[in-house]
């Protein structure tokens, strides 16, 4: 009987180990780490490096996050509607601030605007870009995990106080590994695609208005 109980205990332990190894949860080390959103984008200006083809000034306000995404904590989901956070890994700043800096810097590099501002200045901006409902999360519903980056963008005509266009952006990027750094890599790829799509969308909106 003792040998049988011992055998059952060993089988149970083995099954528990296998279940743990096959779980969909992320792996995480205990060493604290901070990460940046900083994708490398090669913007091509058809009129030459450093030359501006736009005549309007664009003001970009800081995106407003969806509830639960207003801190530097890195969010992940094991199942829909249940938000979790990594304990030892985080963003270097809130996703809203990191993305705001990226939007200002990269939309300015396109050369489609005379200037791109992040705060109101003495020179009035003809257009203003507002974003809200920002979500940045790593999903572990299946393997490999994937990152979801989503937000709603609205472009305003500041002179006439009118909304010119609204677009909802939602991008998914597969993570190269099921851990925080894999999520960071996927988030940077998603941010790159978001910035390119946003630049093209804004260019089309303003071009149609100025024609």
N, C-alpha and C. Protein backbone atom coordinates (compact mmCIF):
# COMPACT_ATOMS: atom_id res chain seq x y z
N UNK A 1 0.82 -1.20 0.00
CA UNK A 1 0.00 0.00 0.00
C UNK A 1 0.86 1.26 0.00
N UNK A 2 1.95 1.21 0.80
CA UNK A 2 2.84 2.37 0.87
C UNK A 2 3.48 2.65 -0.49
N UNK A 3 3.90 1.54 -1.16
CA UNK A 3 4.51 1.71 -2.48
C UNK A 3 3.51 2.28 -3.47
N UNK A 4 2.26 1.84 -3.36
CA UNK A 4 1.22 2.33 -4.27
C UNK A 4 0.96 3.82 -4.05
N UNK A 5 0.87 4.23 -2.80
CA UNK A 5 0.65 5.65 -2.48
C UNK A 5 1.82 6.49 -2.96
N UNK A 6 3.01 5.95 -2.81
CA UNK A 6 4.20 6.69 -3.26
C UNK A 6 4.18 6.86 -4.77
N UNK A 7 3.76 5.79 -5.47
CA UNK A 7 3.67 5.86 -6.93
C UNK A 7 2.63 6.87 -7.38
N UNK A 8 1.46 6.88 -6.71
CA UNK A 8 0.40 7.84 -7.04
C UNK A 8 0.88 9.26 -6.79
N UNK A 9 1.62 9.46 -5.70
CA UNK A 9 2.15 10.79 -5.39
C UNK A 9 3.11 11.26 -6.47
N UNK A 10 3.98 10.37 -6.93
CA UNK A 10 4.95 10.73 -7.97
C UNK A 10 4.25 11.03 -9.29
N UNK A 11 3.21 10.25 -9.62
CA UNK A 11 2.45 10.51 -10.85
C UNK A 11 1.75 11.86 -10.77
N UNK A 12 1.16 12.16 -9.62
CA UNK A 12 0.46 13.44 -9.44
C UNK A 12 1.43 14.61 -9.57
N UNK A 13 2.61 14.45 -8.97
CA UNK A 13 3.62 15.51 -9.05
C UNK A 13 4.07 15.73 -10.48
N UNK A 14 4.23 14.65 -11.22
CA UNK A 14 4.63 14.76 -12.63
C UNK A 14 3.57 15.46 -13.45
N UNK A 15 2.29 15.13 -13.21
CA UNK A 15 1.19 15.77 -13.93
C UNK A 15 1.12 17.26 -13.62
N UNK A 16 1.31 17.61 -12.35
CA UNK A 16 1.29 19.03 -11.98
C UNK A 16 2.42 19.79 -12.66
N UNK A 17 3.58 19.16 -12.77
CA UNK A 17 4.71 19.81 -13.44
C UNK A 17 4.42 20.04 -14.91
N UNK A 18 3.80 19.03 -15.53
CA UNK A 18 3.46 19.15 -16.95
C UNK A 18 2.42 20.23 -17.18
N UNK A 19 1.43 20.29 -16.28
CA UNK A 19 0.39 21.32 -16.42
C UNK A 19 1.00 22.71 -16.27
N UNK A 20 1.90 22.86 -15.30
CA UNK A 20 2.55 24.16 -15.10
C UNK A 20 3.37 24.55 -16.30
N UNK A 21 4.06 23.59 -16.90
CA UNK A 21 4.90 23.88 -18.06
C UNK A 21 4.08 24.27 -19.27
N UNK A 22 2.85 23.76 -19.34
CA UNK A 22 1.99 24.04 -20.49
C UNK A 22 1.05 25.21 -20.24
N UNK A 23 1.14 25.88 -19.09
CA UNK A 23 0.23 26.97 -18.80
C UNK A 23 0.49 28.15 -19.74
N UNK A 24 -0.52 29.01 -19.89
CA UNK A 24 -0.43 30.13 -20.82
C UNK A 24 0.13 31.38 -20.17
N UNK A 25 0.49 31.31 -18.92
CA UNK A 25 1.00 32.49 -18.23
C UNK A 25 2.39 32.87 -18.70
N UNK A 26 2.77 34.15 -18.52
CA UNK A 26 4.09 34.60 -18.94
C UNK A 26 5.16 34.21 -17.93
N UNK A 27 6.39 34.11 -18.41
CA UNK A 27 7.53 33.90 -17.53
C UNK A 27 8.13 35.25 -17.16
N UNK A 28 8.63 35.35 -15.93
CA UNK A 28 9.15 36.63 -15.47
C UNK A 28 10.26 36.40 -14.45
N UNK A 29 11.36 37.12 -14.59
CA UNK A 29 12.43 37.06 -13.61
C UNK A 29 12.17 38.09 -12.51
N UNK A 30 12.89 37.97 -11.41
CA UNK A 30 12.66 38.86 -10.28
C UNK A 30 13.52 40.12 -10.32
N UNK A 31 14.37 40.26 -11.32
CA UNK A 31 15.19 41.47 -11.43
C UNK A 31 14.38 42.58 -12.07
N UNK A 32 14.22 43.74 -11.41
CA UNK A 32 13.42 44.84 -11.97
C UNK A 32 14.03 45.35 -13.28
N UNK A 33 13.16 45.59 -14.27
CA UNK A 33 13.60 46.09 -15.57
C UNK A 33 12.61 47.12 -16.07
N UNK A 34 13.14 48.13 -16.80
CA UNK A 34 12.30 49.16 -17.42
C UNK A 34 12.59 49.18 -18.91
N UNK A 35 11.56 49.46 -19.71
CA UNK A 35 11.67 49.37 -21.16
C UNK A 35 11.14 50.64 -21.84
N UNK A 36 11.64 50.87 -23.06
CA UNK A 36 11.23 52.03 -23.86
C UNK A 36 10.40 51.60 -25.06
N UNK A 37 9.58 52.50 -25.52
CA UNK A 37 9.01 52.43 -26.86
C UNK A 37 9.86 53.33 -27.73
N UNK A 38 10.61 52.75 -28.64
CA UNK A 38 11.52 53.55 -29.46
C UNK A 38 11.80 52.86 -30.79
N UNK A 39 10.76 52.68 -31.63
CA UNK A 39 10.97 52.01 -32.92
C UNK A 39 11.79 52.88 -33.87
N UNK A 40 12.56 52.23 -34.72
CA UNK A 40 13.38 52.95 -35.71
C UNK A 40 12.63 52.98 -37.05
N UNK A 41 12.27 54.19 -37.48
CA UNK A 41 11.52 54.36 -38.72
C UNK A 41 12.32 55.24 -39.67
N UNK A 42 12.49 54.78 -40.90
CA UNK A 42 13.22 55.56 -41.91
C UNK A 42 12.19 56.31 -42.76
N UNK A 43 11.96 57.57 -42.40
CA UNK A 43 11.01 58.37 -43.16
C UNK A 43 11.68 58.88 -44.43
N UNK A 44 11.01 58.74 -45.56
CA UNK A 44 11.56 59.18 -46.84
C UNK A 44 10.86 60.44 -47.30
N UNK A 45 11.61 61.52 -47.37
CA UNK A 45 11.08 62.80 -47.83
C UNK A 45 11.40 62.94 -49.32
N UNK A 46 10.40 62.91 -50.21
CA UNK A 46 10.66 62.99 -51.65
C UNK A 46 11.27 64.31 -52.09
N UNK A 47 11.22 65.32 -51.25
CA UNK A 47 11.76 66.63 -51.62
C UNK A 47 13.16 66.86 -51.05
N UNK A 48 13.74 65.81 -50.48
CA UNK A 48 15.11 65.97 -49.97
C UNK A 48 15.14 66.01 -48.46
N UNK A 49 16.27 65.62 -47.90
CA UNK A 49 16.42 65.54 -46.46
C UNK A 49 16.29 66.92 -45.82
N UNK A 50 15.47 67.00 -44.79
CA UNK A 50 15.33 68.23 -44.03
C UNK A 50 14.40 69.26 -44.65
N UNK A 51 13.91 69.03 -45.85
CA UNK A 51 13.04 70.00 -46.50
C UNK A 51 11.59 69.76 -46.13
N UNK A 52 10.86 70.84 -45.86
CA UNK A 52 9.46 70.75 -45.47
C UNK A 52 8.56 70.93 -46.69
N UNK A 53 7.62 69.99 -46.83
CA UNK A 53 6.67 70.11 -47.94
C UNK A 53 5.31 70.61 -47.43
N UNK A 54 5.15 70.67 -46.11
CA UNK A 54 3.90 71.15 -45.54
C UNK A 54 4.01 72.59 -45.08
N UNK A 55 2.87 73.26 -45.01
CA UNK A 55 2.85 74.67 -44.58
C UNK A 55 2.05 74.86 -43.30
N UNK A 56 1.45 73.81 -42.79
CA UNK A 56 0.60 73.91 -41.61
C UNK A 56 1.33 73.44 -40.36
N UNK A 57 0.87 73.94 -39.22
CA UNK A 57 1.43 73.53 -37.93
C UNK A 57 0.45 72.58 -37.25
N UNK A 58 0.99 71.48 -36.74
CA UNK A 58 0.18 70.45 -36.08
C UNK A 58 0.52 70.40 -34.59
N UNK A 59 -0.50 70.47 -33.75
CA UNK A 59 -0.34 70.30 -32.31
C UNK A 59 -0.84 68.91 -31.93
N UNK A 60 -0.01 68.14 -31.23
CA UNK A 60 -0.38 66.80 -30.80
C UNK A 60 -0.50 66.80 -29.27
N UNK A 61 -1.68 66.55 -28.77
CA UNK A 61 -1.86 66.46 -27.33
C UNK A 61 -1.51 65.06 -26.84
N UNK A 62 -1.27 64.94 -25.55
CA UNK A 62 -0.92 63.63 -25.00
C UNK A 62 -2.12 62.70 -25.05
N UNK A 63 -1.95 61.48 -25.56
CA UNK A 63 -3.06 60.53 -25.62
C UNK A 63 -3.63 60.23 -24.24
N UNK A 64 -4.93 60.00 -24.19
CA UNK A 64 -5.59 59.64 -22.94
C UNK A 64 -5.79 58.13 -22.90
N UNK A 65 -5.27 57.47 -21.87
CA UNK A 65 -5.35 56.00 -21.80
C UNK A 65 -6.73 55.52 -21.37
N UNK A 66 -7.04 54.32 -21.75
CA UNK A 66 -8.23 53.65 -21.24
C UNK A 66 -7.99 53.27 -19.78
N UNK A 67 -9.04 53.16 -19.01
CA UNK A 67 -8.90 52.79 -17.60
C UNK A 67 -8.08 51.51 -17.44
N UNK A 68 -7.10 51.56 -16.55
CA UNK A 68 -6.22 50.42 -16.31
C UNK A 68 -4.89 50.52 -17.01
N UNK A 69 -4.75 51.52 -17.90
CA UNK A 69 -3.51 51.66 -18.67
C UNK A 69 -2.88 53.04 -18.45
N UNK A 70 -3.14 53.62 -17.28
CA UNK A 70 -2.67 54.97 -16.99
C UNK A 70 -1.44 55.00 -16.10
N UNK A 71 -0.70 53.91 -16.04
CA UNK A 71 0.54 53.87 -15.26
C UNK A 71 1.63 53.21 -16.09
N UNK A 72 2.83 53.17 -15.54
CA UNK A 72 3.97 52.56 -16.25
C UNK A 72 3.96 51.04 -16.14
N UNK A 73 3.02 50.48 -15.41
CA UNK A 73 2.96 49.02 -15.25
C UNK A 73 2.64 48.35 -16.58
N UNK A 74 3.32 47.25 -16.87
CA UNK A 74 3.12 46.52 -18.12
C UNK A 74 1.94 45.56 -17.95
N UNK A 75 0.94 45.72 -18.79
CA UNK A 75 -0.30 44.96 -18.66
C UNK A 75 -0.28 43.71 -19.53
N UNK A 76 -0.89 42.64 -19.01
CA UNK A 76 -1.07 41.44 -19.81
C UNK A 76 -2.40 40.78 -19.44
N UNK A 77 -2.92 39.97 -20.36
CA UNK A 77 -4.19 39.27 -20.15
C UNK A 77 -3.99 37.78 -20.37
N UNK A 78 -4.45 36.97 -19.41
CA UNK A 78 -4.47 35.53 -19.58
C UNK A 78 -5.77 35.07 -20.22
N UNK A 79 -6.80 35.88 -20.05
CA UNK A 79 -8.10 35.63 -20.67
C UNK A 79 -8.79 36.97 -20.85
N UNK A 80 -9.76 37.06 -21.76
CA UNK A 80 -10.43 38.34 -22.02
C UNK A 80 -11.04 38.94 -20.75
N UNK A 81 -10.94 40.27 -20.65
CA UNK A 81 -11.58 41.06 -19.59
C UNK A 81 -10.89 40.96 -18.23
N UNK A 82 -9.78 40.25 -18.14
CA UNK A 82 -9.07 40.13 -16.86
C UNK A 82 -7.67 40.71 -17.00
N UNK A 83 -7.47 41.88 -16.41
CA UNK A 83 -6.21 42.61 -16.56
C UNK A 83 -5.23 42.24 -15.45
N UNK A 84 -3.98 41.95 -15.85
CA UNK A 84 -2.90 41.65 -14.90
C UNK A 84 -1.70 42.54 -15.23
N UNK A 85 -0.79 42.62 -14.27
CA UNK A 85 0.41 43.43 -14.46
C UNK A 85 1.65 42.63 -14.07
N UNK A 86 2.73 42.82 -14.84
CA UNK A 86 4.00 42.22 -14.45
C UNK A 86 4.47 42.84 -13.13
N UNK A 87 5.09 42.02 -12.30
CA UNK A 87 5.53 42.48 -10.99
C UNK A 87 6.89 43.16 -11.03
N UNK A 88 7.78 42.70 -11.91
CA UNK A 88 9.15 43.19 -11.91
C UNK A 88 9.57 43.87 -13.21
N UNK A 89 8.64 44.02 -14.14
CA UNK A 89 8.94 44.65 -15.43
C UNK A 89 7.94 45.77 -15.69
N UNK A 90 8.44 46.89 -16.17
CA UNK A 90 7.57 48.04 -16.40
C UNK A 90 8.12 48.90 -17.54
N UNK A 91 7.28 49.81 -18.03
CA UNK A 91 7.72 50.78 -19.02
C UNK A 91 8.51 51.89 -18.33
N UNK A 92 9.38 52.56 -19.06
CA UNK A 92 10.19 53.64 -18.50
C UNK A 92 9.31 54.84 -18.12
N UNK A 93 8.13 54.94 -18.72
CA UNK A 93 7.14 55.97 -18.40
C UNK A 93 5.79 55.39 -18.77
N UNK A 94 4.74 56.13 -18.58
CA UNK A 94 3.43 55.62 -18.98
C UNK A 94 3.39 55.45 -20.50
N UNK A 95 2.65 54.47 -21.02
CA UNK A 95 2.54 54.31 -22.47
C UNK A 95 2.05 55.58 -23.16
N UNK A 96 1.18 56.34 -22.51
CA UNK A 96 0.66 57.57 -23.10
C UNK A 96 1.78 58.58 -23.33
N UNK A 97 2.66 58.76 -22.35
CA UNK A 97 3.77 59.72 -22.50
C UNK A 97 4.80 59.22 -23.50
N UNK A 98 5.11 57.93 -23.46
CA UNK A 98 6.07 57.38 -24.42
C UNK A 98 5.57 57.52 -25.85
N UNK A 99 4.29 57.21 -26.05
CA UNK A 99 3.72 57.29 -27.39
C UNK A 99 3.60 58.74 -27.85
N UNK A 100 3.30 59.64 -26.92
CA UNK A 100 3.21 61.06 -27.27
C UNK A 100 4.54 61.58 -27.82
N UNK A 101 5.62 61.25 -27.16
CA UNK A 101 6.95 61.68 -27.63
C UNK A 101 7.25 61.10 -29.01
N UNK A 102 6.88 59.83 -29.21
CA UNK A 102 7.11 59.20 -30.52
C UNK A 102 6.30 59.86 -31.62
N UNK A 103 5.05 60.19 -31.33
CA UNK A 103 4.18 60.81 -32.32
C UNK A 103 4.73 62.17 -32.75
N UNK A 104 5.12 62.98 -31.78
CA UNK A 104 5.64 64.32 -32.09
C UNK A 104 6.92 64.21 -32.92
N UNK A 105 7.87 63.40 -32.47
CA UNK A 105 9.16 63.29 -33.15
C UNK A 105 9.02 62.72 -34.56
N UNK A 106 8.23 61.65 -34.71
CA UNK A 106 8.16 60.98 -36.00
C UNK A 106 7.27 61.67 -37.00
N UNK A 107 6.16 62.26 -36.57
CA UNK A 107 5.34 63.01 -37.52
C UNK A 107 6.05 64.27 -37.98
N UNK A 108 6.94 64.79 -37.15
CA UNK A 108 7.75 65.93 -37.57
C UNK A 108 8.77 65.52 -38.63
N UNK A 109 9.30 64.31 -38.52
CA UNK A 109 10.31 63.83 -39.47
C UNK A 109 9.76 63.59 -40.87
N UNK A 110 8.44 63.44 -40.99
CA UNK A 110 7.87 63.20 -42.31
C UNK A 110 8.02 64.39 -43.24
N UNK A 111 8.18 65.59 -42.68
CA UNK A 111 8.31 66.79 -43.51
C UNK A 111 6.98 67.30 -44.05
N UNK A 112 5.88 66.67 -43.63
CA UNK A 112 4.57 67.07 -44.15
C UNK A 112 3.99 68.28 -43.41
N UNK A 113 4.66 68.71 -42.34
CA UNK A 113 4.19 69.82 -41.54
C UNK A 113 5.29 70.86 -41.40
N UNK A 114 4.89 72.13 -41.31
CA UNK A 114 5.89 73.18 -41.09
C UNK A 114 6.50 73.02 -39.71
N UNK A 115 5.69 72.55 -38.77
CA UNK A 115 6.17 72.26 -37.42
C UNK A 115 5.17 71.34 -36.75
N UNK A 116 5.67 70.51 -35.83
CA UNK A 116 4.82 69.64 -35.02
C UNK A 116 5.11 69.97 -33.56
N UNK A 117 4.07 70.37 -32.82
CA UNK A 117 4.23 70.82 -31.44
C UNK A 117 3.60 69.81 -30.48
N UNK A 118 4.14 69.76 -29.26
CA UNK A 118 3.56 68.89 -28.24
C UNK A 118 2.84 69.69 -27.16
N UNK A 119 3.05 70.99 -27.12
CA UNK A 119 2.33 71.88 -26.21
C UNK A 119 1.97 73.15 -26.95
N UNK A 120 0.86 73.80 -26.58
CA UNK A 120 0.49 75.06 -27.24
C UNK A 120 1.59 76.11 -27.08
N UNK A 121 1.83 76.86 -28.15
CA UNK A 121 2.87 77.89 -28.12
C UNK A 121 2.33 79.23 -28.56
N UNK A 122 3.23 80.17 -28.75
CA UNK A 122 2.83 81.50 -29.17
C UNK A 122 2.35 81.51 -30.62
N UNK A 123 2.87 80.57 -31.41
CA UNK A 123 2.43 80.44 -32.80
C UNK A 123 1.25 79.47 -32.84
N UNK A 124 0.09 79.92 -33.31
CA UNK A 124 -1.08 79.05 -33.30
C UNK A 124 -0.95 77.89 -34.30
N UNK A 125 -1.47 76.74 -33.91
CA UNK A 125 -1.47 75.57 -34.79
C UNK A 125 -2.78 75.52 -35.56
N UNK A 126 -2.69 75.21 -36.85
CA UNK A 126 -3.89 75.12 -37.68
C UNK A 126 -4.67 73.82 -37.39
N UNK A 127 -3.94 72.79 -36.96
CA UNK A 127 -4.57 71.50 -36.71
C UNK A 127 -4.14 70.96 -35.35
N UNK A 128 -5.04 70.18 -34.76
CA UNK A 128 -4.72 69.53 -33.48
C UNK A 128 -5.11 68.06 -33.55
N UNK A 129 -4.21 67.20 -33.08
CA UNK A 129 -4.47 65.76 -33.06
C UNK A 129 -4.67 65.32 -31.62
N UNK A 130 -5.87 64.79 -31.36
CA UNK A 130 -6.19 64.25 -30.04
C UNK A 130 -6.38 62.74 -30.15
N UNK A 131 -5.87 62.01 -29.16
CA UNK A 131 -6.04 60.54 -29.13
C UNK A 131 -6.54 60.12 -27.76
N UNK A 132 -7.41 59.13 -27.74
CA UNK A 132 -7.90 58.60 -26.47
C UNK A 132 -8.13 57.10 -26.60
N UNK A 133 -8.61 56.50 -25.50
CA UNK A 133 -8.87 55.05 -25.44
C UNK A 133 -7.60 54.24 -25.75
N UNK A 134 -6.45 54.76 -25.32
CA UNK A 134 -5.18 54.07 -25.58
C UNK A 134 -5.08 52.78 -24.77
N UNK A 135 -4.75 51.69 -25.45
CA UNK A 135 -4.55 50.38 -24.83
C UNK A 135 -3.24 49.78 -25.34
N UNK A 136 -2.42 49.28 -24.42
CA UNK A 136 -1.20 48.57 -24.78
C UNK A 136 -1.11 47.36 -23.86
N UNK A 137 -1.33 46.16 -24.40
CA UNK A 137 -1.40 44.96 -23.59
C UNK A 137 -0.80 43.77 -24.32
N UNK A 138 -0.29 42.81 -23.55
CA UNK A 138 0.20 41.55 -24.09
C UNK A 138 -0.82 40.47 -23.78
N UNK A 139 -1.29 39.78 -24.81
CA UNK A 139 -2.35 38.79 -24.65
C UNK A 139 -1.77 37.37 -24.70
N UNK A 140 -2.16 36.55 -23.72
CA UNK A 140 -1.71 35.17 -23.63
C UNK A 140 -2.88 34.20 -23.82
N UNK A 141 -3.81 34.57 -24.71
CA UNK A 141 -4.94 33.68 -24.97
C UNK A 141 -4.48 32.41 -25.69
N UNK A 142 -3.38 32.48 -26.39
CA UNK A 142 -2.81 31.34 -27.11
C UNK A 142 -1.31 31.56 -27.24
N UNK A 143 -0.62 30.57 -27.71
CA UNK A 143 0.82 30.72 -27.96
C UNK A 143 1.09 30.69 -29.46
N UNK A 144 1.96 31.58 -29.95
CA UNK A 144 2.68 32.59 -29.16
C UNK A 144 1.76 33.73 -28.72
N UNK A 145 2.18 34.45 -27.69
CA UNK A 145 1.40 35.60 -27.23
C UNK A 145 1.49 36.71 -28.27
N UNK A 146 0.64 37.70 -28.12
CA UNK A 146 0.66 38.83 -29.04
C UNK A 146 0.37 40.11 -28.27
N UNK A 147 0.77 41.23 -28.86
CA UNK A 147 0.56 42.55 -28.25
C UNK A 147 -0.53 43.28 -29.03
N UNK A 148 -1.40 43.92 -28.30
CA UNK A 148 -2.45 44.75 -28.90
C UNK A 148 -2.20 46.20 -28.54
N UNK A 149 -2.12 47.05 -29.57
CA UNK A 149 -1.98 48.49 -29.40
C UNK A 149 -3.16 49.15 -30.11
N UNK A 150 -3.94 49.91 -29.37
CA UNK A 150 -5.14 50.49 -29.95
C UNK A 150 -5.38 51.89 -29.38
N UNK A 151 -5.99 52.75 -30.21
CA UNK A 151 -6.40 54.08 -29.77
C UNK A 151 -7.34 54.68 -30.81
N UNK A 152 -8.06 55.72 -30.39
CA UNK A 152 -8.89 56.49 -31.31
C UNK A 152 -8.24 57.85 -31.54
N UNK A 153 -8.16 58.27 -32.79
CA UNK A 153 -7.53 59.54 -33.14
C UNK A 153 -8.54 60.47 -33.81
N UNK A 154 -8.45 61.76 -33.45
CA UNK A 154 -9.30 62.78 -34.07
C UNK A 154 -8.44 63.97 -34.46
N UNK A 155 -8.62 64.45 -35.67
CA UNK A 155 -7.90 65.62 -36.16
C UNK A 155 -8.87 66.79 -36.20
N UNK A 156 -8.47 67.92 -35.59
CA UNK A 156 -9.34 69.09 -35.48
C UNK A 156 -8.79 70.25 -36.32
N UNK A 157 -9.72 71.02 -36.87
CA UNK A 157 -9.41 72.32 -37.46
C UNK A 157 -9.59 73.33 -36.33
N UNK A 158 -8.49 73.85 -35.80
CA UNK A 158 -8.57 74.72 -34.62
C UNK A 158 -9.22 76.06 -34.93
N UNK A 159 -9.07 76.55 -36.15
CA UNK A 159 -9.64 77.86 -36.52
C UNK A 159 -11.16 77.81 -36.51
N UNK A 160 -11.72 76.73 -37.05
CA UNK A 160 -13.17 76.60 -37.15
C UNK A 160 -13.77 75.72 -36.06
N UNK A 161 -12.93 75.23 -35.15
CA UNK A 161 -13.38 74.36 -34.06
C UNK A 161 -14.22 73.20 -34.58
N UNK A 162 -13.68 72.52 -35.58
CA UNK A 162 -14.42 71.43 -36.23
C UNK A 162 -13.59 70.16 -36.27
N UNK A 163 -14.26 69.02 -36.07
CA UNK A 163 -13.60 67.72 -36.23
C UNK A 163 -13.55 67.39 -37.71
N UNK A 164 -12.35 67.19 -38.23
CA UNK A 164 -12.18 66.90 -39.65
C UNK A 164 -12.28 65.42 -39.95
N UNK A 165 -11.77 64.59 -39.06
CA UNK A 165 -11.80 63.15 -39.30
C UNK A 165 -11.52 62.42 -38.00
N UNK A 166 -12.05 61.21 -37.92
CA UNK A 166 -11.83 60.33 -36.77
C UNK A 166 -11.47 58.94 -37.28
N UNK A 167 -10.50 58.32 -36.63
CA UNK A 167 -10.13 56.96 -37.03
C UNK A 167 -9.73 56.16 -35.80
N UNK A 168 -10.15 54.90 -35.78
CA UNK A 168 -9.77 53.98 -34.71
C UNK A 168 -8.66 53.07 -35.22
N UNK A 169 -7.52 53.09 -34.54
CA UNK A 169 -6.38 52.26 -34.90
C UNK A 169 -6.30 51.08 -33.94
N UNK A 170 -6.12 49.88 -34.48
CA UNK A 170 -5.94 48.69 -33.66
C UNK A 170 -4.95 47.77 -34.36
N UNK A 171 -3.82 47.52 -33.71
CA UNK A 171 -2.78 46.69 -34.31
C UNK A 171 -2.42 45.54 -33.38
N UNK A 172 -2.18 44.37 -33.98
CA UNK A 172 -1.76 43.18 -33.24
C UNK A 172 -0.40 42.75 -33.78
N UNK A 173 0.48 42.40 -32.87
CA UNK A 173 1.83 41.97 -33.26
C UNK A 173 2.22 40.76 -32.43
N UNK A 174 2.63 39.68 -33.11
CA UNK A 174 3.03 38.46 -32.41
C UNK A 174 4.35 38.68 -31.67
N UNK A 175 4.42 38.25 -30.42
CA UNK A 175 5.63 38.39 -29.61
C UNK A 175 6.62 37.28 -29.95
N UNK A 176 7.91 37.59 -30.09
CA UNK A 176 8.90 36.56 -30.39
C UNK A 176 9.17 35.62 -29.23
N UNK A 177 8.77 36.01 -28.02
CA UNK A 177 8.91 35.13 -26.84
C UNK A 177 7.81 35.48 -25.86
N UNK A 178 7.40 34.50 -25.08
CA UNK A 178 6.29 34.68 -24.13
C UNK A 178 6.79 35.19 -22.79
N UNK A 179 7.38 36.36 -22.80
CA UNK A 179 7.90 36.99 -21.59
C UNK A 179 7.80 38.50 -21.78
N UNK A 180 8.15 39.30 -20.77
CA UNK A 180 8.03 40.75 -20.89
C UNK A 180 8.82 41.34 -22.06
N UNK A 181 10.06 40.87 -22.27
CA UNK A 181 10.87 41.45 -23.34
C UNK A 181 10.29 41.11 -24.71
N UNK A 182 9.71 39.92 -24.85
CA UNK A 182 9.03 39.60 -26.10
C UNK A 182 7.88 40.55 -26.34
N UNK A 183 7.16 40.90 -25.26
CA UNK A 183 6.09 41.88 -25.39
C UNK A 183 6.60 43.25 -25.76
N UNK A 184 7.74 43.63 -25.22
CA UNK A 184 8.34 44.93 -25.55
C UNK A 184 8.72 44.99 -27.03
N UNK A 185 9.32 43.93 -27.54
CA UNK A 185 9.69 43.90 -28.95
C UNK A 185 8.45 44.00 -29.85
N UNK A 186 7.41 43.25 -29.50
CA UNK A 186 6.18 43.30 -30.28
C UNK A 186 5.53 44.68 -30.19
N UNK A 187 5.57 45.30 -29.01
CA UNK A 187 4.99 46.63 -28.83
C UNK A 187 5.70 47.66 -29.70
N UNK A 188 7.02 47.54 -29.84
CA UNK A 188 7.76 48.47 -30.68
C UNK A 188 7.41 48.29 -32.16
N UNK A 189 7.22 47.05 -32.59
CA UNK A 189 6.81 46.81 -33.97
C UNK A 189 5.40 47.37 -34.21
N UNK A 190 4.52 47.19 -33.24
CA UNK A 190 3.16 47.72 -33.36
C UNK A 190 3.17 49.25 -33.39
N UNK A 191 4.01 49.87 -32.56
CA UNK A 191 4.11 51.33 -32.54
C UNK A 191 4.64 51.86 -33.87
N UNK A 192 5.58 51.15 -34.47
CA UNK A 192 6.10 51.56 -35.78
C UNK A 192 4.99 51.56 -36.83
N UNK A 193 4.20 50.49 -36.87
CA UNK A 193 3.11 50.41 -37.83
C UNK A 193 2.06 51.49 -37.57
N UNK A 194 1.78 51.73 -36.29
CA UNK A 194 0.81 52.77 -35.93
C UNK A 194 1.25 54.14 -36.43
N UNK A 195 2.50 54.48 -36.22
CA UNK A 195 3.00 55.79 -36.62
C UNK A 195 2.96 55.97 -38.14
N UNK A 196 3.32 54.92 -38.87
CA UNK A 196 3.29 54.99 -40.33
C UNK A 196 1.86 55.16 -40.83
N UNK A 197 0.94 54.37 -40.30
CA UNK A 197 -0.46 54.47 -40.71
C UNK A 197 -1.05 55.83 -40.33
N UNK A 198 -0.69 56.32 -39.17
CA UNK A 198 -1.21 57.61 -38.72
C UNK A 198 -0.69 58.75 -39.58
N UNK A 199 0.58 58.69 -39.94
CA UNK A 199 1.16 59.74 -40.79
C UNK A 199 0.48 59.77 -42.15
N UNK A 200 0.23 58.60 -42.73
CA UNK A 200 -0.43 58.53 -44.02
C UNK A 200 -1.87 59.04 -43.94
N UNK A 201 -2.56 58.66 -42.88
CA UNK A 201 -3.95 59.10 -42.68
C UNK A 201 -4.03 60.61 -42.53
N UNK A 202 -3.19 61.20 -41.69
CA UNK A 202 -3.20 62.64 -41.49
C UNK A 202 -2.86 63.38 -42.78
N UNK A 203 -1.90 62.85 -43.52
CA UNK A 203 -1.52 63.47 -44.78
C UNK A 203 -2.68 63.50 -45.77
N UNK A 204 -3.43 62.41 -45.83
CA UNK A 204 -4.58 62.35 -46.74
C UNK A 204 -5.69 63.29 -46.31
N UNK A 205 -5.95 63.37 -45.01
CA UNK A 205 -7.01 64.25 -44.50
C UNK A 205 -6.70 65.70 -44.83
N UNK A 206 -5.50 66.15 -44.52
CA UNK A 206 -5.13 67.54 -44.75
C UNK A 206 -5.05 67.84 -46.25
N UNK A 207 -4.57 66.88 -47.05
CA UNK A 207 -4.49 67.10 -48.50
C UNK A 207 -5.86 67.30 -49.11
N UNK A 208 -6.83 66.51 -48.68
CA UNK A 208 -8.18 66.63 -49.21
C UNK A 208 -8.79 67.97 -48.85
N UNK A 209 -8.47 68.48 -47.66
CA UNK A 209 -9.04 69.76 -47.23
C UNK A 209 -8.42 70.92 -47.99
N UNK A 210 -7.12 70.85 -48.27
CA UNK A 210 -6.42 71.95 -48.91
C UNK A 210 -6.58 71.97 -50.44
N UNK A 211 -7.19 70.93 -51.00
CA UNK A 211 -7.37 70.91 -52.46
C UNK A 211 -8.50 71.83 -52.88
